[in-house]
């Protein structure tokens, strides 16, 4: 599932913004990073998302976009 999400994001960003990205990590570990240069996308499995709880860590940060 994470691989499919990463692939879809890579394709959409390439088509829309003409920016290539690079995927780091392995889906089986529950966390992928898609690096677009100035923008980095983190994709988590539900278990990893709960474990790292980034929303709490960054709760004082400004939310620009939230997708779930």
PDB file of N, CA and C in Angstrom:
ATOM      1  N   UNK A   1       0.813  -1.187   0.000  1.00  0.00           N
ATOM      2  CA  UNK A   1       0.000   0.000   0.000  1.00  0.00           C
ATOM      3  C   UNK A   1       0.865   1.262   0.000  1.00  0.00           C
ATOM      4  N   UNK A   2       1.906   1.316   0.836  1.00  0.00           N
ATOM      5  CA  UNK A   2       2.767   2.496   0.866  1.00  0.00           C
ATOM      6  C   UNK A   2       3.483   2.697  -0.464  1.00  0.00           C
ATOM      7  N   UNK A   3       3.913   1.605  -1.079  1.00  0.00           N
ATOM      8  CA  UNK A   3       4.567   1.711  -2.385  1.00  0.00           C
ATOM      9  C   UNK A   3       3.638   2.323  -3.417  1.00  0.00           C
ATOM     10  N   UNK A   4       2.389   1.915  -3.398  1.00  0.00           N
ATOM     11  CA  UNK A   4       1.403   2.449  -4.342  1.00  0.00           C
ATOM     12  C   UNK A   4       1.159   3.935  -4.106  1.00  0.00           C
ATOM     13  N   UNK A   5       1.076   4.337  -2.842  1.00  0.00           N
ATOM     14  CA  UNK A   5       0.903   5.750  -2.520  1.00  0.00           C
ATOM     15  C   UNK A   5       2.103   6.562  -2.993  1.00  0.00           C
ATOM     16  N   UNK A   6       3.293   6.052  -2.737  1.00  0.00           N
ATOM     17  CA  UNK A   6       4.512   6.748  -3.165  1.00  0.00           C
ATOM     18  C   UNK A   6       4.548   6.880  -4.684  1.00  0.00           C
ATOM     19  N   UNK A   7       4.228   5.801  -5.391  1.00  0.00           N
ATOM     20  CA  UNK A   7       4.229   5.833  -6.851  1.00  0.00           C
ATOM     21  C   UNK A   7       3.221   6.847  -7.388  1.00  0.00           C
ATOM     22  N   UNK A   8       2.036   6.879  -6.789  1.00  0.00           N
ATOM     23  CA  UNK A   8       1.009   7.822  -7.224  1.00  0.00           C
ATOM     24  C   UNK A   8       1.459   9.262  -6.980  1.00  0.00           C
ATOM     25  N   UNK A   9       2.088   9.514  -5.859  1.00  0.00           N
ATOM     26  CA  UNK A   9       2.587  10.862  -5.556  1.00  0.00           C
ATOM     27  C   UNK A   9       3.692  11.264  -6.515  1.00  0.00           C
ATOM     28  N   UNK A  10       4.617  10.348  -6.775  1.00  0.00           N
ATOM     29  CA  UNK A  10       5.697  10.631  -7.724  1.00  0.00           C
ATOM     30  C   UNK A  10       5.138  10.982  -9.092  1.00  0.00           C
ATOM     31  N   UNK A  11       4.186  10.206  -9.540  1.00  0.00           N
ATOM     32  CA  UNK A  11       3.590  10.426 -10.866  1.00  0.00           C
ATOM     33  C   UNK A  11       2.846  11.755 -10.935  1.00  0.00           C
ATOM     34  N   UNK A  12       2.044  12.042  -9.916  1.00  0.00           N
ATOM     35  CA  UNK A  12       1.244  13.268  -9.922  1.00  0.00           C
ATOM     36  C   UNK A  12       2.119  14.513  -9.849  1.00  0.00           C
ATOM     37  N   UNK A  13       3.132  14.487  -8.997  1.00  0.00           N
ATOM     38  CA  UNK A  13       4.032  15.640  -8.876  1.00  0.00           C
ATOM     39  C   UNK A  13       4.818  15.833 -10.174  1.00  0.00           C
ATOM     40  N   UNK A  14       5.243  14.728 -10.784  1.00  0.00           N
ATOM     41  CA  UNK A  14       5.964  14.806 -12.056  1.00  0.00           C
ATOM     42  C   UNK A  14       5.083  15.437 -13.138  1.00  0.00           C
ATOM     43  N   UNK A  15       3.833  14.986 -13.231  1.00  0.00           N
ATOM     44  CA  UNK A  15       2.907  15.503 -14.241  1.00  0.00           C
ATOM     45  C   UNK A  15       2.548  16.969 -13.986  1.00  0.00           C
ATOM     46  N   UNK A  16       2.277  17.295 -12.753  1.00  0.00           N
ATOM     47  CA  UNK A  16       1.779  18.627 -12.413  1.00  0.00           C
ATOM     48  C   UNK A  16       2.885  19.675 -12.329  1.00  0.00           C
ATOM     49  N   UNK A  17       4.006  19.310 -11.685  1.00  0.00           N
ATOM     50  CA  UNK A  17       5.046  20.295 -11.398  1.00  0.00           C
ATOM     51  C   UNK A  17       6.371  20.037 -12.120  1.00  0.00           C
ATOM     52  N   UNK A  18       6.445  18.939 -12.851  1.00  0.00           N
ATOM     53  CA  UNK A  18       7.673  18.572 -13.580  1.00  0.00           C
ATOM     54  C   UNK A  18       8.871  18.428 -12.642  1.00  0.00           C
ATOM     55  N   UNK A  19       8.606  17.856 -11.471  1.00  0.00           N
ATOM     56  CA  UNK A  19       9.642  17.617 -10.460  1.00  0.00           C
ATOM     57  C   UNK A  19       9.736  16.119 -10.222  1.00  0.00           C
ATOM     58  N   UNK A  20      10.943  15.603 -10.300  1.00  0.00           N
ATOM     59  CA  UNK A  20      11.165  14.189 -10.003  1.00  0.00           C
ATOM     60  C   UNK A  20      11.472  14.029  -8.523  1.00  0.00           C
ATOM     61  N   UNK A  21      11.055  12.923  -7.983  1.00  0.00           N
ATOM     62  CA  UNK A  21      11.313  12.635  -6.585  1.00  0.00           C
ATOM     63  C   UNK A  21      12.063  11.331  -6.436  1.00  0.00           C
ATOM     64  N   UNK A  22      12.513  11.088  -5.225  1.00  0.00           N
ATOM     65  CA  UNK A  22      13.238   9.864  -4.906  1.00  0.00           C
ATOM     66  C   UNK A  22      12.642   9.259  -3.638  1.00  0.00           C
ATOM     67  N   UNK A  23      12.385   7.960  -3.679  1.00  0.00           N
ATOM     68  CA  UNK A  23      11.807   7.255  -2.535  1.00  0.00           C
ATOM     69  C   UNK A  23      12.929   6.660  -1.697  1.00  0.00           C
ATOM     70  N   UNK A  24      12.845   6.871  -0.397  1.00  0.00           N
ATOM     71  CA  UNK A  24      13.795   6.305   0.554  1.00  0.00           C
ATOM     72  C   UNK A  24      13.017   5.413   1.518  1.00  0.00           C
ATOM     73  N   UNK A  25      13.613   4.327   1.933  1.00  0.00           N
ATOM     74  CA  UNK A  25      12.988   3.411   2.874  1.00  0.00           C
ATOM     75  C   UNK A  25      12.328   2.245   2.163  1.00  0.00           C
ATOM     76  N   UNK A  26      11.744   1.369   2.962  1.00  0.00           N
ATOM     77  CA  UNK A  26      11.076   0.187   2.435  1.00  0.00           C
ATOM     78  C   UNK A  26       9.690   0.084   3.063  1.00  0.00           C
ATOM     79  N   UNK A  27       8.712  -0.182   2.234  1.00  0.00           N
ATOM     80  CA  UNK A  27       7.327  -0.237   2.699  1.00  0.00           C
ATOM     81  C   UNK A  27       7.147  -1.266   3.813  1.00  0.00           C
ATOM     82  N   UNK A  28       7.875  -2.352   3.755  1.00  0.00           N
ATOM     83  CA  UNK A  28       7.705  -3.399   4.788  1.00  0.00           C
ATOM     84  C   UNK A  28       8.076  -2.901   6.184  1.00  0.00           C
ATOM     85  N   UNK A  29       8.863  -1.817   6.250  1.00  0.00           N
ATOM     86  CA  UNK A  29       9.223  -1.225   7.541  1.00  0.00           C
ATOM     87  C   UNK A  29       8.184  -0.222   8.024  1.00  0.00           C
ATOM     88  N   UNK A  30       7.203   0.081   7.172  1.00  0.00           N
ATOM     89  CA  UNK A  30       6.099   0.937   7.593  1.00  0.00           C
ATOM     90  C   UNK A  30       6.328   2.421   7.438  1.00  0.00           C
ATOM     91  N   UNK A  31       7.438   2.822   6.771  1.00  0.00           N
ATOM     92  CA  UNK A  31       7.709   4.246   6.642  1.00  0.00           C
ATOM     93  C   UNK A  31       8.488   4.490   5.361  1.00  0.00           C
ATOM     94  N   UNK A  32       7.942   5.310   4.496  1.00  0.00           N
ATOM     95  CA  UNK A  32       8.629   5.722   3.282  1.00  0.00           C
ATOM     96  C   UNK A  32       8.760   7.239   3.294  1.00  0.00           C
ATOM     97  N   UNK A  33       9.869   7.720   2.770  1.00  0.00           N
ATOM     98  CA  UNK A  33      10.089   9.146   2.590  1.00  0.00           C
ATOM     99  C   UNK A  33      10.212   9.384   1.094  1.00  0.00           C
ATOM    100  N   UNK A  34       9.446  10.345   0.585  1.00  0.00           N
ATOM    101  CA  UNK A  34       9.544  10.725  -0.819  1.00  0.00           C
ATOM    102  C   UNK A  34      10.140  12.133  -0.838  1.00  0.00           C
ATOM    103  N   UNK A  35      11.334  12.249  -1.377  1.00  0.00           N
ATOM    104  CA  UNK A  35      12.081  13.498  -1.370  1.00  0.00           C
ATOM    105  C   UNK A  35      11.922  14.197  -2.719  1.00  0.00           C
ATOM    106  N   UNK A  36      11.306  15.372  -2.692  1.00  0.00           N
ATOM    107  CA  UNK A  36      11.126  16.172  -3.896  1.00  0.00           C
ATOM    108  C   UNK A  36      12.049  17.388  -3.887  1.00  0.00           C
ATOM    109  N   UNK A  37      13.069  17.380  -3.079  1.00  0.00           N
ATOM    110  CA  UNK A  37      13.986  18.518  -2.985  1.00  0.00           C
ATOM    111  C   UNK A  37      13.559  19.448  -1.870  1.00  0.00           C
ATOM    112  N   UNK A  38      12.760  20.459  -2.200  1.00  0.00           N
ATOM    113  CA  UNK A  38      12.295  21.420  -1.191  1.00  0.00           C
ATOM    114  C   UNK A  38      11.153  20.874  -0.342  1.00  0.00           C
ATOM    115  N   UNK A  39      10.542  19.799  -0.785  1.00  0.00           N
ATOM    116  CA  UNK A  39       9.415  19.203  -0.077  1.00  0.00           C
ATOM    117  C   UNK A  39       9.696  17.728   0.169  1.00  0.00           C
ATOM    118  N   UNK A  40       9.418  17.283   1.392  1.00  0.00           N
ATOM    119  CA  UNK A  40       9.618  15.883   1.755  1.00  0.00           C
ATOM    120  C   UNK A  40       8.287  15.329   2.254  1.00  0.00           C
ATOM    121  N   UNK A  41       7.887  14.209   1.683  1.00  0.00           N
ATOM    122  CA  UNK A  41       6.628  13.556   2.031  1.00  0.00           C
ATOM    123  C   UNK A  41       6.934  12.296   2.835  1.00  0.00           C
ATOM    124  N   UNK A  42       6.317  12.164   4.007  1.00  0.00           N
ATOM    125  CA  UNK A  42       6.462  10.969   4.836  1.00  0.00           C
ATOM    126  C   UNK A  42       5.190  10.148   4.714  1.00  0.00           C
ATOM    127  N   UNK A  43       5.337   8.884   4.409  1.00  0.00           N
ATOM    128  CA  UNK A  43       4.200   7.963   4.335  1.00  0.00           C
ATOM    129  C   UNK A  43       4.400   6.885   5.400  1.00  0.00           C
ATOM    130  N   UNK A  44       3.437   6.769   6.298  1.00  0.00           N
ATOM    131  CA  UNK A  44       3.515   5.830   7.415  1.00  0.00           C
ATOM    132  C   UNK A  44       2.426   4.772   7.330  1.00  0.00           C
ATOM    133  N   UNK A  45       2.739   3.585   7.803  1.00  0.00           N
ATOM    134  CA  UNK A  45       1.701   2.599   8.062  1.00  0.00           C
ATOM    135  C   UNK A  45       0.954   3.070   9.313  1.00  0.00           C
ATOM    136  N   UNK A  46      -0.265   2.596   9.548  1.00  0.00           N
ATOM    137  CA  UNK A  46      -0.993   3.007  10.756  1.00  0.00           C
ATOM    138  C   UNK A  46      -0.204   2.745  12.048  1.00  0.00           C
ATOM    139  N   UNK A  47       0.487   1.613  12.137  1.00  0.00           N
ATOM    140  CA  UNK A  47       1.251   1.296  13.348  1.00  0.00           C
ATOM    141  C   UNK A  47       2.413   2.260  13.558  1.00  0.00           C
ATOM    142  N   UNK A  48       3.147   2.564  12.501  1.00  0.00           N
ATOM    143  CA  UNK A  48       4.275   3.487  12.619  1.00  0.00           C
ATOM    144  C   UNK A  48       3.792   4.908  12.910  1.00  0.00           C
ATOM    145  N   UNK A  49       2.693   5.282  12.308  1.00  0.00           N
ATOM    146  CA  UNK A  49       2.154   6.620  12.567  1.00  0.00           C
ATOM    147  C   UNK A  49       1.788   6.767  14.045  1.00  0.00           C
ATOM    148  N   UNK A  50       1.175   5.746  14.583  1.00  0.00           N
ATOM    149  CA  UNK A  50       0.809   5.776  16.004  1.00  0.00           C
ATOM    150  C   UNK A  50       2.060   5.799  16.885  1.00  0.00           C
ATOM    151  N   UNK A  51       3.061   5.003  16.544  1.00  0.00           N
ATOM    152  CA  UNK A  51       4.292   4.919  17.332  1.00  0.00           C
ATOM    153  C   UNK A  51       5.030   6.265  17.376  1.00  0.00           C
ATOM    154  N   UNK A  52       5.228   6.892  16.223  1.00  0.00           N
ATOM    155  CA  UNK A  52       5.997   8.138  16.164  1.00  0.00           C
ATOM    156  C   UNK A  52       5.189   9.363  16.572  1.00  0.00           C
ATOM    157  N   UNK A  53       3.877   9.316  16.418  1.00  0.00           N
ATOM    158  CA  UNK A  53       2.978  10.367  16.877  1.00  0.00           C
ATOM    159  C   UNK A  53       3.496  11.768  16.520  1.00  0.00           C
ATOM    160  N   UNK A  54       3.784  11.976  15.243  1.00  0.00           N
ATOM    161  CA  UNK A  54       4.357  13.239  14.802  1.00  0.00           C
ATOM    162  C   UNK A  54       3.430  14.426  15.026  1.00  0.00           C
ATOM    163  N   UNK A  55       2.139  14.187  15.033  1.00  0.00           N
ATOM    164  CA  UNK A  55       1.208  15.283  15.276  1.00  0.00           C
ATOM    165  C   UNK A  55       1.466  15.916  16.638  1.00  0.00           C
ATOM    166  N   UNK A  56       1.750  15.090  17.661  1.00  0.00           N
ATOM    167  CA  UNK A  56       2.041  15.622  18.990  1.00  0.00           C
ATOM    168  C   UNK A  56       3.410  16.298  19.016  1.00  0.00           C
ATOM    169  N   UNK A  57       4.377  15.695  18.365  1.00  0.00           N
ATOM    170  CA  UNK A  57       5.728  16.251  18.332  1.00  0.00           C
ATOM    171  C   UNK A  57       5.742  17.641  17.702  1.00  0.00           C
ATOM    172  N   UNK A  58       4.940  17.812  16.645  1.00  0.00           N
ATOM    173  CA  UNK A  58       4.925  19.070  15.903  1.00  0.00           C
ATOM    174  C   UNK A  58       3.650  19.876  16.154  1.00  0.00           C
ATOM    175  N   UNK A  59       2.982  19.662  17.284  1.00  0.00           N
ATOM    176  CA  UNK A  59       1.688  20.286  17.515  1.00  0.00           C
ATOM    177  C   UNK A  59       1.724  21.812  17.486  1.00  0.00           C
ATOM    178  N   UNK A  60       2.858  22.419  17.746  1.00  0.00           N
ATOM    179  CA  UNK A  60       2.952  23.872  17.717  1.00  0.00           C
ATOM    180  C   UNK A  60       3.325  24.406  16.331  1.00  0.00           C
ATOM    181  N   UNK A  61       3.611  23.487  15.409  1.00  0.00           N
ATOM    182  CA  UNK A  61       3.947  23.900  14.048  1.00  0.00           C
ATOM    183  C   UNK A  61       2.708  24.275  13.257  1.00  0.00           C
ATOM    184  N   UNK A  62       2.905  25.016  12.201  1.00  0.00           N
ATOM    185  CA  UNK A  62       1.810  25.446  11.339  1.00  0.00           C
ATOM    186  C   UNK A  62       1.457  24.328  10.360  1.00  0.00           C
ATOM    187  N   UNK A  63       0.198  23.943  10.318  1.00  0.00           N
ATOM    188  CA  UNK A  63      -0.278  22.915   9.392  1.00  0.00           C
ATOM    189  C   UNK A  63      -0.586  23.579   8.053  1.00  0.00           C
ATOM    190  N   UNK A  64       0.115  23.133   7.015  1.00  0.00           N
ATOM    191  CA  UNK A  64      -0.128  23.662   5.680  1.00  0.00           C
ATOM    192  C   UNK A  64      -1.131  22.819   4.921  1.00  0.00           C
ATOM    193  N   UNK A  65      -1.067  21.496   5.110  1.00  0.00           N
ATOM    194  CA  UNK A  65      -1.959  20.580   4.422  1.00  0.00           C
ATOM    195  C   UNK A  65      -2.029  19.292   5.211  1.00  0.00           C
ATOM    196  N   UNK A  66      -3.217  18.768   5.409  1.00  0.00           N
ATOM    197  CA  UNK A  66      -3.384  17.509   6.123  1.00  0.00           C
ATOM    198  C   UNK A  66      -4.216  16.568   5.252  1.00  0.00           C
ATOM    199  N   UNK A  67      -3.643  15.425   4.942  1.00  0.00           N
ATOM    200  CA  UNK A  67      -4.322  14.390   4.150  1.00  0.00           C
ATOM    201  C   UNK A  67      -4.362  13.117   4.965  1.00  0.00           C
ATOM    202  N   UNK A  68      -5.513  12.479   4.987  1.00  0.00           N
ATOM    203  CA  UNK A  68      -5.613  11.209   5.707  1.00  0.00           C
ATOM    204  C   UNK A  68      -6.441  10.244   4.922  1.00  0.00           C
TER     205      UNK A  68
END
